[in-house]
N, C-alpha and C. Protein backbone atom coordinates (compact mmCIF):
# COMPACT_ATOMS: atom_id res chain seq x y z
N MET A 1 3.63 9.92 19.89
CA MET A 1 2.95 10.73 18.97
C MET A 1 3.71 11.00 17.96
N THR A 2 3.18 11.22 17.02
CA THR A 2 3.97 11.72 15.56
C THR A 2 3.37 13.05 15.36
N SER A 3 4.16 13.94 15.12
CA SER A 3 3.74 15.56 14.77
C SER A 3 3.86 15.50 13.39
N GLY A 4 3.24 16.50 12.62
CA GLY A 4 3.34 16.82 11.45
C GLY A 4 1.89 17.25 10.73
N VAL A 5 2.14 17.62 9.41
CA VAL A 5 1.07 18.12 8.51
C VAL A 5 0.40 17.04 7.99
N SER A 6 -0.72 17.17 7.47
CA SER A 6 -1.41 16.09 6.57
C SER A 6 -0.76 16.29 5.22
N ALA A 7 -0.28 14.73 4.66
CA ALA A 7 0.63 15.01 3.48
C ALA A 7 -0.42 15.34 2.21
N GLY A 8 0.03 16.13 1.19
CA GLY A 8 -0.53 16.29 0.06
C GLY A 8 -0.47 15.26 -1.03
N PHE A 9 -1.18 15.29 -1.97
CA PHE A 9 -1.30 14.44 -3.04
C PHE A 9 0.15 14.21 -3.86
N GLY A 10 0.91 15.31 -4.10
CA GLY A 10 2.06 15.09 -4.72
C GLY A 10 3.10 14.28 -3.88
N ARG A 11 3.38 14.45 -2.93
CA ARG A 11 4.20 13.67 -1.90
C ARG A 11 3.66 12.00 -1.65
N ARG A 12 2.30 11.87 -1.83
CA ARG A 12 1.82 10.70 -1.64
C ARG A 12 1.97 9.88 -3.05
N PHE A 13 1.62 10.37 -4.12
CA PHE A 13 1.98 9.79 -5.54
C PHE A 13 3.32 9.60 -5.75
N ALA A 14 4.38 10.43 -5.38
CA ALA A 14 5.75 10.01 -5.32
C ALA A 14 6.18 8.92 -4.58
N ALA A 15 5.71 8.65 -3.46
CA ALA A 15 5.90 7.74 -2.55
C ALA A 15 5.42 6.32 -2.99
N LEU A 16 4.29 6.48 -3.70
CA LEU A 16 3.56 5.40 -4.50
C LEU A 16 4.54 4.90 -5.60
N ILE A 17 4.97 5.75 -6.30
CA ILE A 17 5.82 5.38 -7.52
C ILE A 17 7.25 4.59 -7.09
N TYR A 18 7.90 5.21 -5.77
CA TYR A 18 8.94 4.51 -5.43
C TYR A 18 8.59 2.83 -4.73
N ASP A 19 7.55 3.04 -4.30
CA ASP A 19 6.95 1.56 -3.68
C ASP A 19 6.72 0.85 -4.76
N ALA A 20 6.26 1.26 -6.03
CA ALA A 20 5.92 0.57 -7.18
C ALA A 20 7.23 -0.13 -7.80
N VAL A 21 8.26 0.53 -7.63
CA VAL A 21 9.22 0.13 -8.29
C VAL A 21 10.07 -1.21 -7.31
N LEU A 22 9.91 -1.15 -6.19
CA LEU A 22 10.13 -2.29 -5.20
C LEU A 22 9.21 -3.11 -5.10
N LEU A 23 7.99 -2.97 -5.51
CA LEU A 23 7.13 -4.05 -5.46
C LEU A 23 7.25 -4.91 -6.78
N ILE A 24 7.61 -4.25 -7.85
CA ILE A 24 7.94 -4.99 -9.14
C ILE A 24 9.06 -5.84 -8.90
N ALA A 25 9.92 -5.48 -8.22
CA ALA A 25 11.10 -6.64 -7.67
C ALA A 25 10.76 -7.55 -7.13
N LEU A 26 9.87 -7.27 -6.06
CA LEU A 26 9.50 -8.34 -5.08
C LEU A 26 8.47 -9.23 -5.77
N LEU A 27 7.65 -8.98 -6.54
CA LEU A 27 6.85 -9.55 -7.50
C LEU A 27 7.55 -10.37 -8.77
N MET A 28 8.57 -10.14 -8.97
CA MET A 28 9.61 -10.97 -9.82
C MET A 28 10.22 -11.93 -9.26
N ILE A 29 10.71 -11.76 -8.04
CA ILE A 29 11.03 -12.58 -7.19
C ILE A 29 10.09 -13.86 -6.96
N TYR A 30 8.72 -13.41 -6.31
CA TYR A 30 7.73 -14.28 -6.23
C TYR A 30 7.37 -15.02 -7.45
N THR A 31 7.47 -14.60 -8.49
CA THR A 31 6.98 -15.12 -9.89
C THR A 31 8.20 -16.25 -10.09
N ALA A 32 9.45 -15.76 -10.03
CA ALA A 32 10.49 -17.10 -9.91
C ALA A 32 10.10 -17.91 -9.02
N ALA A 33 9.96 -17.68 -7.79
CA ALA A 33 9.62 -19.00 -6.78
C ALA A 33 8.54 -19.71 -7.33
N SER A 34 7.43 -19.06 -7.85
CA SER A 34 6.19 -19.46 -8.17
C SER A 34 6.59 -20.64 -9.48
N ILE A 35 7.27 -20.17 -10.50
CA ILE A 35 7.80 -21.09 -11.32
C ILE A 35 8.58 -22.28 -11.10
N ALA A 36 9.44 -21.95 -10.11
CA ALA A 36 10.37 -22.99 -9.58
C ALA A 36 9.54 -24.23 -8.87
N PHE A 37 8.44 -23.46 -7.97
CA PHE A 37 7.91 -24.46 -7.32
C PHE A 37 6.83 -25.29 -8.13
N THR A 38 6.33 -24.95 -9.18
CA THR A 38 5.57 -25.76 -9.97
C THR A 38 6.48 -26.37 -11.11
N LYS A 39 7.78 -26.27 -11.05
CA LYS A 39 8.52 -26.61 -11.95
C LYS A 39 8.39 -26.31 -13.51
N GLY A 40 7.92 -25.08 -13.67
CA GLY A 40 7.41 -24.66 -14.86
C GLY A 40 6.16 -25.12 -15.42
N HIS A 41 5.68 -25.98 -14.89
CA HIS A 41 4.26 -26.55 -15.45
C HIS A 41 3.29 -25.59 -15.45
N ALA A 42 3.15 -24.74 -14.68
CA ALA A 42 2.10 -23.73 -14.53
C ALA A 42 2.52 -22.50 -14.91
N ALA A 43 2.33 -22.23 -16.21
CA ALA A 43 2.55 -20.63 -16.77
C ALA A 43 1.60 -19.87 -16.07
N VAL A 44 2.04 -18.45 -16.19
CA VAL A 44 1.14 -17.58 -15.57
C VAL A 44 0.11 -17.11 -16.65
N SER A 45 -0.76 -17.88 -16.99
CA SER A 45 -1.90 -17.47 -17.70
C SER A 45 -3.23 -18.31 -17.40
N ARG A 46 -4.26 -17.88 -17.44
CA ARG A 46 -5.53 -18.46 -17.13
C ARG A 46 -5.74 -20.05 -17.80
N GLU A 47 -5.46 -19.85 -19.06
CA GLU A 47 -5.76 -21.00 -20.13
C GLU A 47 -4.67 -21.99 -19.58
N SER A 48 -3.59 -21.79 -19.57
CA SER A 48 -2.55 -22.86 -19.29
C SER A 48 -2.23 -23.49 -17.79
N ALA A 49 -2.78 -22.59 -16.90
CA ALA A 49 -2.34 -22.93 -15.43
C ALA A 49 -3.68 -23.36 -14.86
N GLY A 50 -4.74 -23.33 -15.21
CA GLY A 50 -5.89 -23.68 -14.46
C GLY A 50 -6.14 -23.12 -13.12
N GLY A 51 -6.20 -23.96 -12.14
CA GLY A 51 -6.33 -23.35 -10.91
C GLY A 51 -5.32 -22.65 -10.16
N TRP A 52 -3.94 -22.91 -10.66
CA TRP A 52 -2.67 -22.51 -10.35
C TRP A 52 -2.78 -20.88 -10.35
N PHE A 53 -3.47 -20.47 -11.56
CA PHE A 53 -3.57 -18.84 -11.95
C PHE A 53 -4.15 -18.26 -10.74
N TYR A 54 -5.21 -18.94 -10.26
CA TYR A 54 -5.81 -18.14 -9.16
C TYR A 54 -4.91 -18.05 -8.10
N ALA A 55 -4.21 -19.28 -7.68
CA ALA A 55 -3.48 -19.32 -6.57
C ALA A 55 -2.31 -18.37 -6.57
N TYR A 56 -1.83 -18.13 -7.68
CA TYR A 56 -0.67 -17.30 -8.17
C TYR A 56 -1.05 -15.95 -7.82
N CYS A 57 -2.44 -15.42 -8.44
CA CYS A 57 -2.96 -13.89 -8.21
C CYS A 57 -3.08 -13.55 -6.93
N ALA A 58 -3.68 -14.81 -6.15
CA ALA A 58 -3.72 -14.31 -4.73
C ALA A 58 -2.32 -14.23 -3.93
N GLY A 59 -1.43 -14.92 -4.36
CA GLY A 59 -0.24 -14.78 -3.82
C GLY A 59 0.57 -13.54 -4.24
N GLU A 60 0.16 -12.81 -5.18
CA GLU A 60 0.64 -11.56 -5.86
C GLU A 60 0.12 -10.47 -4.92
N LEU A 61 -1.26 -10.65 -4.68
CA LEU A 61 -2.05 -9.70 -3.81
C LEU A 61 -1.60 -9.79 -2.31
N GLY A 62 -1.02 -11.03 -1.90
CA GLY A 62 -0.52 -11.26 -0.64
C GLY A 62 0.83 -10.68 -0.32
N VAL A 63 1.55 -10.68 -1.51
CA VAL A 63 2.93 -9.94 -1.34
C VAL A 63 2.88 -8.43 -1.32
N ILE A 64 1.81 -7.86 -1.96
CA ILE A 64 1.62 -6.32 -2.04
C ILE A 64 0.92 -6.10 -0.55
N ALA A 65 0.10 -6.77 -0.03
CA ALA A 65 -0.53 -6.65 1.00
C ALA A 65 0.45 -6.63 2.29
N GLY A 66 1.09 -7.69 2.21
CA GLY A 66 2.45 -7.75 3.17
C GLY A 66 3.41 -6.73 3.23
N TYR A 67 3.64 -6.24 2.13
CA TYR A 67 4.52 -5.08 2.11
C TYR A 67 4.21 -3.82 2.87
N TYR A 68 2.95 -3.47 2.23
CA TYR A 68 2.32 -2.26 2.88
C TYR A 68 2.20 -2.56 4.40
N ILE A 69 1.32 -3.49 4.72
CA ILE A 69 0.82 -3.74 6.16
C ILE A 69 1.91 -3.81 7.12
N LEU A 70 3.02 -4.67 6.77
CA LEU A 70 4.13 -5.13 7.59
C LEU A 70 4.84 -3.67 7.93
N ASN A 71 5.09 -3.18 6.82
CA ASN A 71 6.00 -1.64 6.98
C ASN A 71 5.16 -0.57 7.94
N TRP A 72 3.79 -0.71 7.51
CA TRP A 72 2.95 0.46 8.40
C TRP A 72 2.92 0.13 10.04
N VAL A 73 2.93 -1.16 10.27
CA VAL A 73 2.71 -1.68 11.52
C VAL A 73 4.15 -1.51 12.23
N ARG A 74 5.10 -1.92 11.45
CA ARG A 74 6.70 -1.85 11.94
C ARG A 74 7.21 -0.32 12.22
N SER A 75 6.84 0.49 11.05
CA SER A 75 7.63 1.85 11.35
C SER A 75 6.78 3.00 10.94
N GLY A 76 5.53 2.64 10.43
CA GLY A 76 4.72 3.54 9.62
C GLY A 76 5.05 4.15 8.47
N GLN A 77 6.16 3.62 7.93
CA GLN A 77 6.49 4.02 6.72
C GLN A 77 7.09 2.80 5.94
N THR A 78 6.49 3.16 4.54
CA THR A 78 7.21 2.10 3.43
C THR A 78 8.49 2.86 2.80
N LEU A 79 9.16 2.25 2.30
CA LEU A 79 10.31 2.65 1.49
C LEU A 79 10.27 4.18 1.01
N GLY A 80 9.14 4.34 0.04
CA GLY A 80 8.86 5.27 -0.56
C GLY A 80 8.21 6.77 0.49
N MET A 81 7.76 6.34 1.64
CA MET A 81 7.27 6.90 2.39
C MET A 81 8.40 7.71 3.10
N ARG A 82 9.42 6.80 3.51
CA ARG A 82 10.63 7.42 3.89
C ARG A 82 11.35 8.47 3.25
N ALA A 83 11.25 8.18 1.85
CA ALA A 83 12.12 8.86 0.90
C ALA A 83 11.31 10.30 0.96
N TRP A 84 10.08 10.39 1.10
CA TRP A 84 9.46 11.63 1.12
C TRP A 84 8.93 12.08 2.46
N HIS A 85 9.57 11.54 3.43
CA HIS A 85 9.49 12.15 4.72
C HIS A 85 7.71 12.03 5.34
N LEU A 86 7.20 10.83 5.05
CA LEU A 86 5.90 10.61 5.38
C LEU A 86 5.66 9.47 6.31
N ARG A 87 4.70 9.52 7.05
CA ARG A 87 4.37 8.58 8.06
C ARG A 87 2.80 8.47 8.02
N ALA A 88 2.32 6.94 8.16
CA ALA A 88 1.11 6.68 8.31
C ALA A 88 0.70 6.32 9.92
N VAL A 89 -0.18 7.08 10.34
CA VAL A 89 -0.47 6.89 11.69
C VAL A 89 -1.88 6.74 11.92
N SER A 90 -2.32 6.61 13.05
CA SER A 90 -3.78 6.54 13.49
C SER A 90 -4.39 7.97 13.61
N ASP A 91 -5.71 8.22 13.69
CA ASP A 91 -6.22 9.47 13.82
C ASP A 91 -5.67 10.18 14.90
N LEU A 92 -5.31 9.70 15.89
CA LEU A 92 -4.89 10.30 17.20
C LEU A 92 -3.21 10.21 17.24
N GLY A 93 -2.50 9.90 16.10
CA GLY A 93 -1.36 10.07 15.97
C GLY A 93 -0.32 9.12 16.65
N ARG A 94 -1.04 7.99 16.78
CA ARG A 94 -0.39 6.84 17.20
C ARG A 94 0.07 5.78 16.19
N PRO A 95 1.02 4.73 16.54
CA PRO A 95 1.40 3.79 15.17
C PRO A 95 0.20 3.03 15.07
N LEU A 96 0.17 2.45 13.68
CA LEU A 96 -1.04 1.64 13.37
C LEU A 96 -0.80 0.29 13.86
N SER A 97 -2.07 -0.26 14.43
CA SER A 97 -2.11 -1.71 14.59
C SER A 97 -2.16 -2.57 13.33
N GLY A 98 -2.12 -3.75 13.50
CA GLY A 98 -2.07 -4.78 12.39
C GLY A 98 -3.68 -4.71 11.67
N ALA A 99 -4.47 -4.48 12.44
CA ALA A 99 -6.14 -4.16 12.06
C ALA A 99 -6.15 -3.09 11.37
N SER A 100 -5.69 -2.03 11.91
CA SER A 100 -6.03 -0.51 11.14
C SER A 100 -5.02 -0.52 9.99
N ALA A 101 -3.89 -1.18 9.85
CA ALA A 101 -3.14 -1.31 8.59
C ALA A 101 -3.73 -2.10 7.57
N ALA A 102 -4.11 -3.13 8.03
CA ALA A 102 -5.36 -3.85 7.03
C ALA A 102 -6.28 -3.29 6.52
N LEU A 103 -6.93 -2.49 7.33
CA LEU A 103 -8.21 -2.00 6.89
C LEU A 103 -7.92 -0.60 5.98
N ARG A 104 -6.74 0.09 6.27
CA ARG A 104 -6.20 1.18 5.57
C ARG A 104 -5.91 0.36 4.10
N PHE A 105 -5.26 -0.71 4.19
CA PHE A 105 -5.11 -1.20 2.67
C PHE A 105 -6.17 -1.44 1.91
N LEU A 106 -7.05 -2.16 2.47
CA LEU A 106 -8.23 -2.58 1.80
C LEU A 106 -9.03 -1.35 1.38
N CYS A 107 -9.05 -0.21 2.39
CA CYS A 107 -9.76 1.04 1.98
C CYS A 107 -9.02 1.66 0.54
N GLY A 108 -7.65 1.50 0.55
CA GLY A 108 -6.93 2.09 -0.48
C GLY A 108 -7.55 1.55 -1.74
N PHE A 109 -8.07 0.46 -2.08
CA PHE A 109 -8.44 0.29 -3.34
C PHE A 109 -9.64 0.96 -3.81
N LEU A 110 -10.27 1.72 -2.81
CA LEU A 110 -11.42 2.61 -3.06
C LEU A 110 -10.79 3.98 -3.33
N ALA A 111 -9.81 4.21 -2.82
CA ALA A 111 -9.36 5.55 -3.13
C ALA A 111 -8.39 5.94 -4.53
N TRP A 112 -7.78 4.89 -4.76
CA TRP A 112 -6.84 5.18 -6.08
C TRP A 112 -7.56 5.28 -7.24
N PRO A 113 -8.30 3.99 -7.65
CA PRO A 113 -9.03 4.11 -8.74
C PRO A 113 -10.48 4.89 -8.61
N PRO A 114 -11.19 5.33 -9.39
CA PRO A 114 -10.75 5.85 -10.54
C PRO A 114 -10.00 7.21 -10.45
N ALA A 115 -8.97 7.35 -11.13
CA ALA A 115 -8.24 8.72 -11.41
C ALA A 115 -7.68 9.26 -9.99
N ALA A 116 -7.57 8.41 -8.94
CA ALA A 116 -7.05 8.94 -7.62
C ALA A 116 -8.13 10.00 -7.13
N LEU A 117 -9.30 10.00 -7.39
CA LEU A 117 -10.31 10.88 -6.59
C LEU A 117 -10.39 10.52 -5.22
N GLY A 118 -10.47 9.37 -4.61
CA GLY A 118 -10.40 9.17 -3.36
C GLY A 118 -9.16 10.02 -2.67
N VAL A 119 -8.13 10.12 -3.23
CA VAL A 119 -7.01 10.41 -2.60
C VAL A 119 -6.97 12.21 -2.76
N LEU A 120 -7.45 12.44 -3.91
CA LEU A 120 -7.59 13.88 -4.04
C LEU A 120 -8.84 14.66 -3.01
N TRP A 121 -9.59 13.61 -2.57
CA TRP A 121 -10.78 13.99 -1.61
C TRP A 121 -10.07 14.95 -0.61
N LEU A 122 -8.76 14.88 -0.16
CA LEU A 122 -7.97 15.60 0.91
C LEU A 122 -8.28 16.88 0.82
N TYR A 123 -8.18 17.33 -0.61
CA TYR A 123 -8.31 18.99 -0.84
C TYR A 123 -9.58 19.37 -0.29
N LEU A 124 -10.60 18.50 -0.35
CA LEU A 124 -12.14 18.88 0.25
C LEU A 124 -12.34 18.69 1.50
N ASP A 125 -11.46 17.78 1.95
CA ASP A 125 -11.60 17.33 3.38
C ASP A 125 -11.18 18.41 4.34
N PRO A 126 -12.14 18.76 5.51
CA PRO A 126 -11.73 19.71 6.35
C PRO A 126 -10.46 19.30 7.30
N ASP A 127 -10.25 18.04 7.50
CA ASP A 127 -9.01 17.48 8.07
C ASP A 127 -8.04 17.32 7.30
N ARG A 128 -8.04 17.56 5.93
CA ARG A 128 -6.97 17.28 4.88
C ARG A 128 -6.62 15.77 4.82
N VAL A 129 -7.54 14.86 5.00
CA VAL A 129 -7.31 13.31 4.85
C VAL A 129 -8.03 12.79 3.48
N ALA A 130 -7.37 11.84 3.03
CA ALA A 130 -8.04 11.15 1.96
C ALA A 130 -8.92 10.16 2.41
N ILE A 131 -9.86 9.78 1.55
CA ILE A 131 -10.96 8.99 1.86
C ILE A 131 -10.87 7.72 2.58
N HIS A 132 -9.66 6.83 2.01
CA HIS A 132 -9.22 5.61 2.49
C HIS A 132 -8.82 5.87 4.29
N ASP A 133 -8.15 7.04 4.25
CA ASP A 133 -7.78 7.39 5.60
C ASP A 133 -8.97 7.59 6.35
N ARG A 134 -9.86 8.45 5.82
CA ARG A 134 -11.16 8.68 6.76
C ARG A 134 -11.87 7.41 7.22
N LEU A 135 -12.11 6.50 6.01
CA LEU A 135 -12.69 5.19 6.56
C LEU A 135 -11.80 4.42 7.49
N SER A 136 -10.37 4.51 7.56
CA SER A 136 -9.84 3.36 8.42
C SER A 136 -9.36 3.85 9.57
N LYS A 137 -9.72 5.48 9.79
CA LYS A 137 -9.45 6.15 10.89
C LYS A 137 -7.86 6.39 11.07
N THR A 138 -7.20 6.69 9.86
CA THR A 138 -5.63 6.93 9.80
C THR A 138 -5.61 8.23 9.05
N ARG A 139 -4.45 8.56 9.01
CA ARG A 139 -3.64 9.74 8.35
C ARG A 139 -2.25 9.65 7.94
N VAL A 140 -1.95 10.23 6.83
CA VAL A 140 -0.55 10.51 6.36
C VAL A 140 -0.15 11.65 6.98
N VAL A 141 0.97 11.85 7.44
CA VAL A 141 1.69 13.07 7.82
C VAL A 141 2.95 13.17 7.15
N HIS A 142 3.34 14.55 6.93
CA HIS A 142 4.39 15.03 6.16
C HIS A 142 5.14 15.33 7.80
N LEU A 143 6.40 14.52 7.82
CA LEU A 143 7.33 14.82 9.01
C LEU A 143 7.94 16.12 8.65
N VAL A 144 8.02 17.03 9.58
CA VAL A 144 8.49 18.17 9.29
C VAL A 144 9.78 18.31 10.52
N SER A 145 11.01 18.88 10.10
CA SER A 145 11.99 19.02 11.21
C SER A 145 11.87 20.11 11.86
């Protein structure tokens, strides 16, 4: 079981920025591999690539989803979460399963746009959890020493 208090918006946002930097690097590697695989014939635009464009976009989403889901299942933390002493756990404080991590990732698309209102919901919630945490029965805790 993991103990800690519910993480606030500032720490969550800072961890997201850290993760975004790493994800940009991963997506650059994915793009380079995609161009090498198609031998440069499929540029990354809808007009010139046809069906490859949609396969490329699905692959980008796969890279992003894989980064979050694998890290949440393996340790409960992404690189940004480690830096800010955060951990994603189930509502009972246990490590996330693959299904709960995937559900948390999908529900995250509801929480961040528009203007992070779903995440800011944590200040109105009696348990101080964001809307995507409530929907996926997870929570992000700030690990206190």
